[in-house]
C-alpha cells in the first residue's frame, strides 16, 4: 500500500513518522524547534535526509533512519534560539 506513512510536526518541536496501515508511531525525534514547525520535506536526492523549518528561524536536517539531528541552519544569523 503506497503512502502508508505520515510525517508529523508536533507542538513540542519534534517530528514523528506514523504508519497508517499498522497504526503505530515508527519513530520520533527529540525536541527540535522552539516554535511552530511549518514545513517538513524529504530530500529529493537523498531519501535518508529530511528537513524541517520553523518560525524559530531554523531549518533542521534530520537523518530519517534514526531521526537524529544532523545539522541546524540558522536563518536568523546566529540567533539564540538556534544554539
Protein backbone atom coordinates (compact mmCIF):
# COMPACT_ATOMS: atom_id res chain seq x y z
CA UNK A 1 0.00 0.00 0.00
CA UNK A 2 1.61 3.26 -1.13
CA UNK A 3 1.53 6.28 1.12
CA UNK A 4 1.14 4.40 4.38
CA UNK A 5 3.39 6.75 6.37
CA UNK A 6 2.65 10.28 7.53
CA UNK A 7 5.34 12.69 8.67
CA UNK A 8 4.08 14.84 11.56
CA UNK A 9 5.36 18.03 13.14
CA UNK A 10 4.47 18.02 16.84
CA UNK A 11 3.76 21.07 19.00
CA UNK A 12 6.86 20.42 21.15
CA UNK A 13 9.11 20.90 18.10
CA UNK A 14 9.67 17.19 17.49
CA UNK A 15 8.95 15.24 14.31
CA UNK A 16 7.24 11.87 14.14
CA UNK A 17 6.53 9.25 11.49
CA UNK A 18 3.22 7.44 11.87
CA UNK A 19 2.41 4.26 9.95
CA UNK A 20 -1.27 4.43 8.94
CA UNK A 21 -1.51 0.77 7.94
CA UNK A 22 -0.03 -0.58 11.19
CA UNK A 23 -1.41 2.32 13.32
CA UNK A 24 1.84 2.86 15.18
CA UNK A 25 4.41 5.61 15.58
CA UNK A 26 7.51 4.23 13.90
CA UNK A 27 9.90 6.82 15.26
CA UNK A 28 10.07 10.28 16.73
CA UNK A 29 12.82 12.86 17.11
CA UNK A 30 13.85 14.59 20.26
CA UNK A 31 12.53 18.12 20.69
CA UNK A 32 13.98 20.14 17.86
CA UNK A 33 12.41 23.50 17.20
CA UNK A 34 11.43 26.17 19.70
CA UNK A 35 8.46 27.48 17.70
CA UNK A 36 5.79 26.15 15.36
CA UNK A 37 7.06 23.88 12.58
CA UNK A 38 5.52 24.99 9.29
CA UNK A 39 7.20 22.68 6.81
CA UNK A 40 8.74 19.23 6.57
CA UNK A 41 10.09 17.59 3.43
CA UNK A 42 12.31 14.69 2.41
CA UNK A 43 15.43 15.46 0.38
CA UNK A 44 14.84 14.54 -3.27
CA UNK A 45 18.44 13.47 -3.85
CA UNK A 46 18.89 11.59 -0.55
CA UNK A 47 15.78 9.97 0.96
CA UNK A 48 17.69 9.36 4.21
CA UNK A 49 17.52 13.09 4.97
CA UNK A 50 14.58 15.30 5.73
CA UNK A 51 14.34 18.99 6.57
CA UNK A 52 12.02 20.84 8.90
CA UNK A 53 11.59 24.59 9.09
CA UNK A 54 10.09 26.64 11.86
CA UNK A 55 9.15 30.12 12.99
CA UNK A 56 12.19 29.89 15.31
CA UNK A 57 14.25 30.82 12.24
CA UNK A 58 15.97 27.47 11.79
CA UNK A 59 15.96 24.75 9.18
CA UNK A 60 16.93 21.43 10.77
CA UNK A 61 18.23 18.46 8.83
CA UNK A 62 17.40 15.02 10.23
CA UNK A 63 18.65 11.51 9.42
CA UNK A 64 15.40 9.66 8.73
CA UNK A 65 16.92 6.28 9.62
CA UNK A 66 17.31 7.09 13.32
CA UNK A 67 15.65 10.58 13.46
CA UNK A 68 18.82 12.16 14.84
CA UNK A 69 19.56 15.81 14.22
CA UNK A 70 22.34 16.20 11.62
CA UNK A 71 22.54 19.95 11.09
CA UNK A 72 20.94 23.25 12.12
CA UNK A 73 20.82 26.08 9.59
CA UNK A 74 20.08 29.37 11.31
CA UNK A 75 18.23 31.81 9.06
CA UNK A 76 18.27 34.44 11.83
CA UNK A 77 22.05 34.87 11.61
CA UNK A 78 23.11 33.06 14.78
CA UNK A 79 20.03 33.70 16.90
CA UNK A 80 19.96 32.46 20.48
CA UNK A 81 17.16 30.05 19.53
CA UNK A 82 19.41 28.09 17.19
CA UNK A 83 22.01 27.38 19.85
